[in-house]
Protein backbone atom coordinates (compact mmCIF):
# COMPACT_ATOMS: atom_id res chain seq x y z
CA UNK A 1 0.00 0.00 0.00
CA UNK A 2 1.05 3.60 -0.49
CA UNK A 3 2.62 5.36 2.47
CA UNK A 4 0.24 7.50 4.53
CA UNK A 5 0.62 11.20 3.90
CA UNK A 6 1.93 13.05 6.92
CA UNK A 7 1.18 16.53 5.66
CA UNK A 8 -2.28 16.95 7.19
CA UNK A 9 -4.24 15.86 10.24
CA UNK A 10 -6.59 12.89 10.02
CA UNK A 11 -10.07 12.93 11.47
CA UNK A 12 -11.44 9.87 13.23
CA UNK A 13 -13.04 8.13 10.24
CA UNK A 14 -9.91 8.62 8.13
CA UNK A 15 -7.70 7.23 10.88
CA UNK A 16 -10.01 4.26 11.36
CA UNK A 17 -9.96 3.44 7.65
CA UNK A 18 -6.18 3.71 7.55
CA UNK A 19 -5.71 1.43 10.57
CA UNK A 20 -7.96 -1.19 8.97
CA UNK A 21 -5.97 -0.95 5.74
CA UNK A 22 -2.74 -1.49 7.68
CA UNK A 23 -4.21 -4.60 9.28
CA UNK A 24 -5.22 -5.98 5.87
CA UNK A 25 -1.87 -5.14 4.29
CA UNK A 26 0.57 -6.35 6.95
CA UNK A 27 0.63 -9.81 8.55
CA UNK A 28 2.38 -8.34 11.59
CA UNK A 29 -0.56 -6.04 12.44
CA UNK A 30 -3.81 -6.83 14.24
CA UNK A 31 -6.47 -4.31 15.24
CA UNK A 32 -8.96 -4.37 18.09
CA UNK A 33 -11.28 -2.00 19.89
CA UNK A 34 -10.48 -1.59 23.58
CA UNK A 35 -13.67 0.33 24.36
CA UNK A 36 -15.92 3.12 23.17
CA UNK A 37 -15.82 6.85 23.82
CA UNK A 38 -18.52 8.99 25.41
CA UNK A 39 -20.08 9.53 21.96
CA UNK A 40 -19.77 5.87 21.01
CA UNK A 41 -16.62 5.84 18.84
CA UNK A 42 -14.34 2.82 18.98
CA UNK A 43 -10.95 3.34 20.64
CA UNK A 44 -8.57 1.41 18.42
CA UNK A 45 -5.46 -0.47 19.52
CA UNK A 46 -3.05 -2.02 17.04
CA UNK A 47 -0.70 -4.85 18.02
CA UNK A 48 2.42 -5.19 15.90
CA UNK A 49 4.61 -8.26 16.28
CA UNK A 50 6.09 -11.18 14.37
CA UNK A 51 5.23 -14.84 14.77
CA UNK A 52 4.16 -16.05 18.18
CA UNK A 53 1.76 -15.01 20.92
CA UNK A 54 2.18 -11.26 21.63
CA UNK A 55 1.81 -11.66 25.39
CA UNK A 56 4.71 -14.13 25.38
CA UNK A 57 6.98 -11.22 24.45
CA UNK A 58 7.95 -8.01 26.25
CA UNK A 59 5.44 -5.28 25.45
CA UNK A 60 5.82 -1.60 24.59
CA UNK A 61 2.93 0.89 24.45
CA UNK A 62 2.50 4.09 22.44
CA UNK A 63 -0.63 6.14 23.01
CA UNK A 64 -1.77 9.49 21.64
CA UNK A 65 -4.48 12.10 21.87
CA UNK A 66 -5.47 11.65 25.49
CA UNK A 67 -5.98 15.38 24.93
CA UNK A 68 -8.33 15.86 21.99
CA UNK A 69 -6.79 19.11 20.75
CA UNK A 70 -3.21 17.74 20.61
CA UNK A 71 -3.66 16.13 17.23
CA UNK A 72 0.05 15.90 16.44
CA UNK A 73 0.09 13.03 18.95
CA UNK A 74 -2.15 10.68 16.96
CA UNK A 75 -0.16 11.35 13.80
CA UNK A 76 3.12 10.59 15.61
CA UNK A 77 1.69 7.30 16.90
CA UNK A 78 0.56 6.47 13.38
CA UNK A 79 4.00 7.37 12.00
CA UNK A 80 5.61 4.93 14.42
CA UNK A 81 3.18 2.17 13.43
CA UNK A 82 3.73 2.75 9.70
CA UNK A 83 7.51 2.83 10.08
CA UNK A 84 7.83 -0.50 11.89
CA UNK A 85 5.24 -2.19 9.67
CA UNK A 86 6.64 -0.98 6.35
CA UNK A 87 10.30 -1.61 7.22
CA UNK A 88 9.81 -5.05 8.72
CA UNK A 89 11.87 -7.56 6.77
CA UNK A 90 14.07 -4.89 5.21
CA UNK A 91 15.53 -3.05 8.20
CA UNK A 92 17.53 -5.33 10.50
CA UNK A 93 16.88 -3.34 13.69
CA UNK A 94 13.15 -3.03 13.11
CA UNK A 95 12.80 -6.66 12.06
CA UNK A 96 14.49 -7.85 15.24
CA UNK A 97 12.35 -5.47 17.32
CA UNK A 98 9.06 -6.63 15.78
CA UNK A 99 10.01 -10.30 16.06
CA UNK A 100 10.99 -10.09 19.72
CA UNK A 101 8.59 -7.45 21.08
CA UNK A 102 4.86 -6.81 21.12
CA UNK A 103 4.32 -3.19 20.09
CA UNK A 104 0.95 -1.73 21.03
CA UNK A 105 -0.24 1.51 19.43
CA UNK A 106 -3.37 3.34 20.60
CA UNK A 107 -3.29 6.49 18.48
CA UNK A 108 -6.50 8.23 19.59
CA UNK A 109 -7.63 7.90 23.21
CA UNK A 110 -10.05 10.82 22.76
CA UNK A 111 -11.67 10.39 19.32
CA UNK A 112 -14.59 12.65 20.33
CA UNK A 113 -12.21 15.47 21.19
CA UNK A 114 -10.27 15.09 17.95
CA UNK A 115 -13.48 15.26 15.91
CA UNK A 116 -14.68 18.28 17.86
CA UNK A 117 -11.46 20.18 17.17
CA UNK A 118 -10.73 19.16 13.57
CA UNK A 119 -14.32 19.62 12.44
CA UNK A 120 -14.16 23.25 13.57
CA UNK A 121 -17.04 22.87 16.03
CA UNK A 122 -15.01 24.16 18.94
CA UNK A 123 -12.13 23.52 21.27
CA UNK A 124 -11.88 20.95 24.05
CA UNK A 125 -9.14 19.75 26.34
CA UNK A 126 -10.01 16.05 26.15
CA UNK A 127 -13.53 14.71 25.73
CA UNK A 128 -16.92 16.20 24.94
CA UNK A 129 -19.03 15.18 27.93
CA UNK A 130 -20.55 18.23 29.62
CA UNK A 131 -18.56 18.63 32.82
CA UNK A 132 -18.60 19.66 35.62
CA UNK A 133 -22.16 20.83 34.86
CA UNK A 134 -24.54 19.47 32.26
CA UNK A 135 -25.62 22.88 31.02
CA UNK A 136 -23.67 25.62 29.30
CA UNK A 137 -22.86 28.54 31.58
CA UNK A 138 -23.20 32.24 31.01
CA UNK A 139 -20.35 34.08 29.36
CA UNK A 140 -18.36 34.01 26.15
CA UNK A 141 -18.11 30.67 24.39
CA UNK A 142 -15.61 30.09 21.59
CA UNK A 143 -17.14 30.05 18.12
CA UNK A 144 -16.22 30.97 14.56
CA UNK A 145 -18.34 34.11 14.37
CA UNK A 146 -16.96 35.53 11.13
CA UNK A 147 -17.22 32.25 9.20
CA UNK A 148 -13.61 31.96 8.04
CA UNK A 149 -13.20 28.43 9.41
CA UNK A 150 -10.96 29.50 12.28
CA UNK A 151 -11.56 30.35 15.93
CA UNK A 152 -9.10 33.17 16.51
CA UNK A 153 -8.99 36.10 18.95
CA UNK A 154 -11.05 39.28 19.20
CA UNK A 155 -9.78 42.63 20.36
CA UNK A 156 -11.86 45.69 21.14
CA UNK A 157 -10.70 49.20 22.03
CA UNK A 158 -11.24 50.01 25.71
CA UNK A 159 -9.51 52.72 27.80
CA UNK A 160 -9.35 50.19 30.63
CA UNK A 161 -7.92 47.41 28.48
CA UNK A 162 -4.84 45.53 29.57
CA UNK A 163 -3.21 45.19 26.14
CA UNK A 164 -1.49 47.51 23.68
CA UNK A 165 0.13 47.20 20.26
CA UNK A 166 3.85 46.43 20.29
CA UNK A 167 6.06 49.23 19.02
CA UNK A 168 8.10 46.59 17.14
CA UNK A 169 5.30 44.89 15.17
CA UNK A 170 1.71 46.13 14.80
CA UNK A 171 0.41 42.56 14.72
CA UNK A 172 1.59 41.84 18.24
CA UNK A 173 -0.31 42.75 21.38
CA UNK A 174 1.72 43.05 24.57
CA UNK A 175 0.64 43.56 28.19
CA UNK A 176 0.02 47.14 29.23
CA UNK A 177 2.52 48.32 31.86
CA UNK A 178 1.33 49.78 35.14
CA UNK A 179 2.49 53.26 34.16
CA UNK A 180 1.02 53.25 30.62
CA UNK A 181 -1.55 56.02 30.09
CA UNK A 182 -2.89 58.06 27.22
CA UNK A 183 -2.57 55.47 24.47
CA UNK A 184 -4.89 53.04 22.69
CA UNK A 185 -5.61 49.94 24.74
CA UNK A 186 -7.55 46.76 24.08
CA UNK A 187 -9.50 44.06 25.80
CA UNK A 188 -8.81 40.66 24.24
CA UNK A 189 -11.12 37.63 24.12
CA UNK A 190 -11.34 34.35 22.26
CA UNK A 191 -13.52 34.62 19.16
CA UNK A 192 -17.05 33.70 20.09
CA UNK A 193 -20.54 34.65 21.24
CA UNK A 194 -21.76 35.57 24.71
CA UNK A 195 -24.50 33.54 26.36
CA UNK A 196 -26.93 35.62 28.47
CA UNK A 197 -25.24 38.86 27.48
CA UNK A 198 -26.45 41.82 29.56
CA UNK A 199 -24.93 44.41 27.26
CA UNK A 200 -22.04 45.18 29.62
CA UNK A 201 -20.21 42.23 31.14
CA UNK A 202 -17.99 40.14 28.89
CA UNK A 203 -16.58 37.26 30.89
CA UNK A 204 -15.17 34.15 29.28
CA UNK A 205 -17.38 31.24 30.35
CA UNK A 206 -15.82 28.19 31.92
CA UNK A 207 -15.48 25.50 29.25
CA UNK A 208 -18.61 23.47 28.66
CA UNK A 209 -16.48 20.34 28.35
CA UNK A 210 -13.76 20.75 30.95
CA UNK A 211 -12.71 17.14 31.42
CA UNK A 212 -9.00 16.45 31.32
CA UNK A 213 -8.42 12.75 30.83
CA UNK A 214 -4.82 13.18 31.94
CA UNK A 215 -6.05 14.17 35.40
CA UNK A 216 -8.36 11.16 35.72
CA UNK A 217 -5.97 8.34 36.66
CA UNK A 218 -5.58 6.92 40.15
CA UNK A 219 -1.99 7.82 40.96
CA UNK A 220 -1.78 11.08 42.92
CA UNK A 221 -5.36 11.92 41.88
CA UNK A 222 -7.02 15.00 43.36
CA UNK A 223 -10.72 15.98 43.20
CA UNK A 224 -12.09 18.81 41.09
CA UNK A 225 -11.68 21.28 43.94
CA UNK A 226 -7.92 20.70 43.77
CA UNK A 227 -7.40 19.72 40.13
CA UNK A 228 -9.52 21.13 37.32
CA UNK A 229 -10.84 18.50 34.92
CA UNK A 230 -10.23 15.61 37.30
CA UNK A 231 -13.62 13.95 36.88
CA UNK A 232 -15.86 12.68 39.63
CA UNK A 233 -13.45 9.89 40.61
CA UNK A 234 -10.36 8.16 39.15
CA UNK A 235 -11.08 6.41 35.84
CA UNK A 236 -14.59 7.90 35.78
CA UNK A 237 -14.48 8.24 31.98
CA UNK A 238 -14.91 5.39 29.48
CA UNK A 239 -11.78 6.48 27.64
CA UNK A 240 -9.51 6.39 30.71
CA UNK A 241 -11.06 3.14 31.95
CA UNK A 242 -10.37 1.54 28.57
CA UNK A 243 -6.73 2.63 28.64
CA UNK A 244 -6.18 1.53 32.24
CA UNK A 245 -7.87 -1.82 31.57
CA UNK A 246 -5.67 -2.39 28.53
CA UNK A 247 -2.48 -1.74 30.50
CA UNK A 248 -3.64 -3.94 33.37
CA UNK A 249 -4.54 -6.77 30.98
CA UNK A 250 -1.03 -6.71 29.50
CA UNK A 251 1.41 -7.57 32.30
CA UNK A 252 4.07 -8.02 29.62
CA UNK A 253 4.32 -4.23 29.21
CA UNK A 254 7.74 -2.82 30.03
CA UNK A 255 7.58 0.74 28.75
CA UNK A 256 5.19 3.38 27.51
CA UNK A 257 5.24 6.70 25.68
CA UNK A 258 2.21 8.92 26.12
CA UNK A 259 2.27 11.47 23.30
CA UNK A 260 1.15 15.05 23.87
CA UNK A 261 1.96 18.53 22.58
CA UNK A 262 2.60 21.94 24.06
CA UNK A 263 6.05 21.89 25.67
CA UNK A 264 8.64 20.16 23.43
CA UNK A 265 9.64 18.21 26.50
CA UNK A 266 10.36 14.67 27.62
CA UNK A 267 8.79 14.27 31.05
CA UNK A 268 10.10 11.31 33.01
CA UNK A 269 9.41 9.67 36.38
CA UNK A 270 9.29 10.17 39.30
CA UNK A 271 6.09 12.06 40.06
CA UNK A 272 5.46 11.82 43.79
CA UNK A 273 9.05 11.72 45.02
CA UNK A 274 12.33 13.46 44.38
CA UNK A 275 15.14 11.93 42.37
CA UNK A 276 16.98 11.19 45.63
CA UNK A 277 13.97 9.27 46.95
CA UNK A 278 13.61 7.27 43.74
CA UNK A 279 15.30 3.85 43.42
CA UNK A 280 18.72 4.76 42.00
CA UNK A 281 18.69 1.87 39.51
CA UNK A 282 15.42 3.14 38.05
CA UNK A 283 16.63 6.73 37.91
CA UNK A 284 19.89 5.85 36.15
CA UNK A 285 18.23 3.80 33.42
CA UNK A 286 15.38 6.28 32.91
CA UNK A 287 17.94 9.08 32.63
CA UNK A 288 19.99 7.13 30.08
CA UNK A 289 17.01 6.50 27.80
CA UNK A 290 15.70 10.04 28.28
CA UNK A 291 19.01 11.57 27.29
CA UNK A 292 18.94 9.62 24.04
CA UNK A 293 15.48 11.10 23.48
CA UNK A 294 16.97 14.56 23.91
CA UNK A 295 19.57 13.74 21.27
CA UNK A 296 16.90 12.61 18.81
CA UNK A 297 14.41 15.42 19.40
CA UNK A 298 16.24 18.38 20.93
CA UNK A 299 13.54 18.57 23.62
CA UNK A 300 14.23 19.37 27.26
CA UNK A 301 14.20 16.50 29.79
CA UNK A 302 12.77 16.85 33.30
CA UNK A 303 10.72 14.88 35.81
CA UNK A 304 7.04 14.94 36.67
CA UNK A 305 8.10 15.99 40.15
CA UNK A 306 9.93 19.02 38.72
CA UNK A 307 6.85 19.88 36.68
CA UNK A 308 4.73 19.81 39.83
CA UNK A 309 7.24 21.64 41.97
CA UNK A 310 8.53 24.34 39.63
CA UNK A 311 6.05 24.79 36.76
CA UNK A 312 2.45 23.82 37.49
CA UNK A 313 0.70 21.14 39.55
CA UNK A 314 -0.55 18.03 37.81
CA UNK A 315 -2.32 15.16 39.55
CA UNK A 316 -3.77 11.91 38.29
CA UNK A 317 -1.85 11.76 35.02
CA UNK A 318 -1.32 8.60 33.02
CA UNK A 319 2.49 8.68 33.07
CA UNK A 320 2.49 8.92 36.87
CA UNK A 321 0.09 5.96 37.10
CA UNK A 322 2.24 3.88 34.73
CA UNK A 323 5.38 4.24 36.84
CA UNK A 324 4.08 4.70 40.37
CA UNK A 325 1.42 1.96 40.23
CA UNK A 326 2.58 -0.35 37.43
CA UNK A 327 6.35 0.10 37.53
CA UNK A 328 6.68 0.88 33.80
CA UNK A 329 9.36 3.07 32.30
CA UNK A 330 6.96 5.72 31.06
CA UNK A 331 7.64 9.04 29.35
CA UNK A 332 5.21 11.80 28.55
CA UNK A 333 6.55 13.31 25.33
CA UNK A 334 5.34 16.79 24.38
CA UNK A 335 5.88 17.00 20.63
CA UNK A 336 5.38 20.63 19.66
CA UNK A 337 5.44 24.10 21.14
CA UNK A 338 5.16 27.15 18.91
CA UNK A 339 7.16 29.18 21.44
CA UNK A 340 10.15 26.89 20.97
CA UNK A 341 10.62 28.52 17.57
CA UNK A 342 12.08 31.42 19.55
CA UNK A 343 14.98 29.22 20.62
CA UNK A 344 13.82 28.98 24.26
CA UNK A 345 12.96 25.66 25.89
CA UNK A 346 9.90 25.13 28.04
CA UNK A 347 11.63 25.51 31.40
CA UNK A 348 13.22 28.80 30.33
CA UNK A 349 9.87 30.11 29.07
CA UNK A 350 8.21 29.05 32.31
CA UNK A 351 10.77 30.94 34.33
CA UNK A 352 10.25 34.06 32.20
CA UNK A 353 6.51 33.86 32.88
CA UNK A 354 7.02 33.40 36.61
CA UNK A 355 9.32 36.42 36.76
CA UNK A 356 6.95 38.37 34.49
CA UNK A 357 9.82 39.22 32.16
CA UNK A 358 7.62 41.24 29.80
CA UNK A 359 10.51 42.48 27.65
CA UNK A 360 11.85 38.96 27.22
CA UNK A 361 8.40 37.54 26.46
CA UNK A 362 7.82 40.24 23.86
CA UNK A 363 11.06 39.24 22.15
CA UNK A 364 9.84 35.63 22.14
CA UNK A 365 6.57 36.61 20.45
CA UNK A 366 8.38 38.81 17.92
CA UNK A 367 10.64 35.88 17.07
CA UNK A 368 7.56 33.72 16.48
CA UNK A 369 6.13 36.23 14.03
CA UNK A 370 9.43 36.37 12.17
CA UNK A 371 9.50 32.57 12.02
CA UNK A 372 5.92 32.54 10.75
CA UNK A 373 6.83 34.98 7.97
CA UNK A 374 10.00 33.14 6.97
CA UNK A 375 8.97 29.50 7.35
CA UNK A 376 5.18 29.50 6.85
CA UNK A 377 4.83 32.39 4.43
CA UNK A 378 2.75 34.21 7.03
CA UNK A 379 -0.02 31.57 7.00
CA UNK A 380 0.13 30.84 10.73
CA UNK A 381 -0.99 34.30 11.84
CA UNK A 382 -4.12 36.11 10.67
CA UNK A 383 -3.77 39.88 10.47
CA UNK A 384 -6.32 41.80 12.48
CA UNK A 385 -9.34 42.87 10.45
CA UNK A 386 -12.48 44.79 11.42
CA UNK A 387 -15.67 42.88 12.15
CA UNK A 388 -19.09 44.02 13.34
CA UNK A 389 -19.76 41.62 16.20
CA UNK A 390 -23.50 41.00 16.74
CA UNK A 391 -23.17 41.66 20.48
CA UNK A 392 -20.05 43.76 21.00
CA UNK A 393 -20.19 45.95 17.93
CA UNK A 394 -16.91 46.96 16.26
CA UNK A 395 -14.06 44.56 17.06
CA UNK A 396 -11.05 43.18 15.21
CA UNK A 397 -10.51 39.47 14.69
CA UNK A 398 -7.08 37.94 14.12
CA UNK A 399 -4.13 36.21 15.76
CA UNK A 400 -2.54 32.80 15.62
CA UNK A 401 -4.25 29.76 14.19
CA UNK A 402 -5.32 28.10 17.43
CA UNK A 403 -4.26 24.63 16.33
CA UNK A 404 -0.76 25.87 15.56
CA UNK A 405 -0.07 27.01 19.11
CA UNK A 406 0.37 23.40 20.23
CA UNK A 407 0.45 21.41 16.99
CA UNK A 408 3.03 21.26 14.25
CA UNK A 409 2.17 23.06 11.01
CA UNK A 410 1.32 20.55 8.33
CA UNK A 411 4.55 21.27 6.47
CA UNK A 412 6.58 20.22 9.54
CA UNK A 413 4.40 17.36 10.72
CA UNK A 414 6.38 14.54 9.10
CA UNK A 415 9.70 15.69 10.58
CA UNK A 416 8.13 16.14 14.01
CA UNK A 417 6.72 12.61 13.89
CA UNK A 418 9.97 11.10 12.59
CA UNK A 419 11.99 12.43 15.54
CA UNK A 420 9.68 10.75 18.02
CA UNK A 421 9.65 7.52 16.00
CA UNK A 422 13.43 7.29 16.33
CA UNK A 423 13.14 7.75 20.09
CA UNK A 424 10.40 5.12 20.31
CA UNK A 425 12.36 2.53 18.35
CA UNK A 426 15.41 3.08 20.54
CA UNK A 427 13.50 2.85 23.82
CA UNK A 428 11.58 -0.27 22.78
CA UNK A 429 14.88 -2.09 22.20
CA UNK A 430 15.76 -1.75 25.90
CA UNK A 431 13.18 -4.34 26.97
CA UNK A 432 14.37 -7.45 28.84
CA UNK A 433 14.66 -10.48 26.57
CA UNK A 434 14.48 -14.03 27.89
CA UNK A 435 16.64 -16.66 26.18
CA UNK A 436 16.95 -20.34 27.12
CA UNK A 437 19.63 -22.74 25.96
CA UNK A 438 20.32 -26.36 26.79
CA UNK A 439 23.39 -26.44 28.98
CA UNK A 440 23.78 -30.20 29.39
CA UNK A 441 21.85 -33.46 28.95
CA UNK A 442 23.31 -36.57 30.62
CA UNK A 443 21.99 -40.12 30.41
CA UNK A 444 22.38 -41.46 33.96
CA UNK A 445 20.66 -44.82 33.52
CA UNK A 446 18.21 -46.45 31.20
CA UNK A 447 15.46 -43.86 30.70
CA UNK A 448 16.91 -41.54 33.37
CA UNK A 449 18.29 -38.16 32.30
CA UNK A 450 19.81 -35.17 33.98
CA UNK A 451 18.75 -32.03 32.13
CA UNK A 452 20.33 -28.63 32.75
CA UNK A 453 19.20 -25.44 31.04
CA UNK A 454 20.78 -22.00 30.99
CA UNK A 455 18.31 -19.12 31.42
CA UNK A 456 19.56 -15.75 30.16
CA UNK A 457 18.27 -12.19 30.11
CA UNK A 458 19.75 -10.66 26.97
CA UNK A 459 17.99 -7.31 27.38
CA UNK A 460 19.08 -3.99 28.84
CA UNK A 461 16.49 -3.91 31.61
CA UNK A 462 16.24 -6.54 34.33
CA UNK A 463 13.31 -8.91 34.00
CA UNK A 464 11.28 -6.85 36.47
CA UNK A 465 12.19 -3.64 34.53
CA UNK A 466 12.01 -1.34 37.59
CA UNK A 467 12.48 -1.55 41.33
CA UNK A 468 9.14 0.25 41.54
CA UNK A 469 7.47 -2.77 39.93
CA UNK A 470 8.87 -5.01 42.67
CA UNK A 471 7.79 -2.56 45.35
CA UNK A 472 4.24 -2.47 43.95
CA UNK A 473 4.22 -6.28 43.47
CA UNK A 474 3.50 -5.94 39.77
CA UNK A 475 5.84 -8.75 38.71
CA UNK A 476 6.25 -12.35 39.77
CA UNK A 477 9.44 -14.42 39.77
CA UNK A 478 10.80 -15.89 36.59
CA UNK A 479 9.59 -19.50 36.44
CA UNK A 480 11.14 -22.58 34.87
CA UNK A 481 8.60 -25.41 34.52
CA UNK A 482 9.00 -28.95 33.26
CA UNK A 483 5.88 -30.81 32.20
CA UNK A 484 6.14 -34.53 31.47
CA UNK A 485 3.43 -35.92 29.26
CA UNK A 486 2.65 -39.62 29.32
CA UNK A 487 4.71 -41.98 31.49
CA UNK A 488 7.37 -39.88 33.17
CA UNK A 489 8.37 -38.73 36.64
CA UNK A 490 10.58 -36.06 38.13
CA UNK A 491 13.30 -37.73 40.20
CA UNK A 492 15.07 -34.56 41.31
CA UNK A 493 14.06 -30.92 41.20
CA UNK A 494 10.67 -29.26 41.35
CA UNK A 495 8.12 -29.12 38.59
CA UNK A 496 8.34 -25.32 38.89
CA UNK A 497 11.61 -23.70 39.83
CA UNK A 498 11.39 -20.05 40.85
CA UNK A 499 14.40 -18.07 39.68
CA UNK A 500 13.68 -14.65 41.15
CA UNK A 501 14.60 -11.84 38.75
CA UNK A 502 17.48 -11.67 36.26
CA UNK A 503 19.61 -8.59 35.72
CA UNK A 504 19.95 -7.13 32.25
CA UNK A 505 23.11 -6.00 30.57
CA UNK A 506 22.27 -2.54 31.94
CA UNK A 507 23.23 -4.08 35.26
CA UNK A 508 23.44 -2.31 38.58
CA UNK A 509 26.02 0.28 39.65
CA UNK A 510 29.11 0.00 37.45
CA UNK A 511 31.79 -2.15 39.06
CA UNK A 512 34.52 -1.60 36.52
CA UNK A 513 34.91 -5.24 35.53
CA UNK A 514 31.98 -5.44 33.13
CA UNK A 515 30.33 -8.23 35.10
CA UNK A 516 26.55 -8.18 35.49
CA UNK A 517 25.36 -10.21 38.46
CA UNK A 518 22.58 -12.78 38.09
CA UNK A 519 22.04 -12.15 34.41
CA UNK A 520 21.75 -15.90 33.88
CA UNK A 521 20.70 -18.92 35.94
CA UNK A 522 21.11 -22.68 35.60
CA UNK A 523 18.18 -25.00 36.29
CA UNK A 524 18.48 -28.78 36.61
CA UNK A 525 16.09 -31.70 36.73
CA UNK A 526 16.55 -35.46 36.81
CA UNK A 527 13.68 -37.22 35.07
CA UNK A 528 12.72 -40.83 34.47
CA UNK A 529 11.05 -41.44 31.11
CA UNK A 530 9.43 -44.47 29.60
CA UNK A 531 9.33 -44.61 25.86
CA UNK A 532 9.82 -41.62 23.64
CA UNK A 533 10.32 -38.36 25.60
CA UNK A 534 7.17 -36.28 25.75
CA UNK A 535 6.63 -32.95 27.43
CA UNK A 536 7.81 -29.37 27.51
CA UNK A 537 10.24 -27.14 29.31
CA UNK A 538 8.81 -23.65 29.64
CA UNK A 539 10.55 -20.60 31.09
CA UNK A 540 8.26 -17.65 31.69
CA UNK A 541 8.81 -14.05 32.71
CA UNK A 542 5.92 -11.62 32.78
CA UNK A 543 7.96 -8.88 31.14
CA UNK A 544 10.86 -10.64 29.44
CA UNK A 545 8.90 -13.21 27.47
CA UNK A 546 8.24 -16.95 27.41
CA UNK A 547 10.44 -19.64 25.86
CA UNK A 548 9.28 -23.24 25.28
CA UNK A 549 11.46 -26.25 24.45
CA UNK A 550 10.09 -29.63 23.39
CA UNK A 551 11.53 -32.28 25.70
CA UNK A 552 12.00 -34.69 22.82
CA UNK A 553 14.14 -32.19 20.96
CA UNK A 554 16.20 -31.41 24.09
CA UNK A 555 17.02 -35.05 24.83
CA UNK A 556 17.35 -36.47 21.33
CA UNK A 557 19.55 -33.66 20.03
CA UNK A 558 21.89 -33.55 23.01
CA UNK A 559 22.21 -37.31 23.48
């Protein structure tokens, strides 16, 4: 099939059709619905893997559009899926990854929100359920009042307005200083109409649909009084329940990337503790992978805890739940921020806002307009033009395309997606990988054999992936099981041998000799068989995979 075009955003029906085409085209893809949204749309999950049962392999999750307006996320998830599907069999790295790992892609957690935004109906954070009240409230509601297909900004002249035109560019409005008097000043609102307008007051109404799915998960959740958009209780929404149920039903998951936009950041664990309080083994490995992400994307890397402590509070987010409750190595990756075109990263911009550095922030906005002129031919910003508003009278409508503030322009979408795909492919290769080899088979007496196997973890991560997973009891010991079919008995050893956890080649603290402790274990049985050997040796790890050996092959080949 032809490659998908990554130069525009796909609405729900288009994405659904494309996912079904991918399933038909590629043997390594299978598609399922994991639930339905508030409006009844299917939430699609694609599993990508080679031969074998997916849950017998380490798993890796990519999800997008938990926020309906962050549509770059679903396209980046789709880009990842297309890349690994189309290059399987040709690219050695991708072929090995697909054969040894179960890749799960859920591109659109909030299909209702995506439809709402891309259809031009309005703007939502996540879903479309009326919340926290079932009726629209008084005040200004965003709407395309001039019919140009965009919801922009409105400005109206007012002596008491808090904005003025920049002396450097007439398109730019900047905050009015406390000592500014005698000039022309503006009040600024989102484009829209006012419900229950009394002819005087113009207040922006609280959003009709204020749910934030990324505040609706159980870890560190806070109620609406403390966290706007939180929902009535954790996992109160069908979309978040579907995602949480999917993760819980896949204990083979080792890592996750939740794709967002708005910061150009890679946000890592921990969330509810400082780096010093976090298990050092987890921190070191999460840092190492995160730094590679910085190399691939140029984004800034910081923790959820730093976000909460220094930028703004966030409770009940999916990434926090994945690490704190499930022990997954989870990153929240923010794929686009218009302000980054100024050359400032998110933490620097946040500090400028906290210090109210108005001169510095004006230079940022001027740089964005210059970038818009040079790179987009001016198409990202609409010049202010007069409009006779049916309620307010003379206003001017203009400003940035709302979608562009936190989504890549279509001309840069493919490159934005490709950077994240490289990061995803690299991270997914860090999963633990179980390997079993026959160490020795000895014939002790007629029909009596001593069998020894060597159990390896060939992956970077240990078989439990994180110390947090052990703490939360999310993983069980690696098991080696021998099952004798027909006439056979175990003379020595247990039917199930529990091996604990195996280190990966990422090891623990560096010792200088290159030795990784407990990266492999030997298991022995003595068995008495009558007739042709029948049965199976199975070694199982929840997160590192399952390996099965036919007993007949083990004995006949080695003896």
